[in-house]
Amino acid sequence: MMAVTSATDPRPERGHPSGRPPLWRRDDGSPIACVEKIKVLNENYAELCQMAQDAIEDGLLMGCSEAQMREALHALIDGLVNPYVAGK
């Protein structure tokens, strides 16, 4: 299980420019404080980073354009649906 990371955590994680997952926040901007929630969010983030990295590498090895691979992954994320939208 992945440890909760903090601003002082020296361990880099691939896929995020700062080397760490983001500080998880609520819609009002306040940070998520529950350690268990942060662990789950960080684990999900790390898994997604690794899967996206693997997809990029596979695509490149198979001759796909890097730009097209990035566009496809961006489109995939942009197309995700929030099933918890109020009023639905």
Foldseek 3Di string as FASTA:
>chain_A
DDAQDDPPDPQAAPDDPVRADDQDADPVRHGDDDRVVSVVVRVVVSVVRVVLVVQLVVCVVVPHDSVVSVVVVVVVVVPDDDPPDPPD
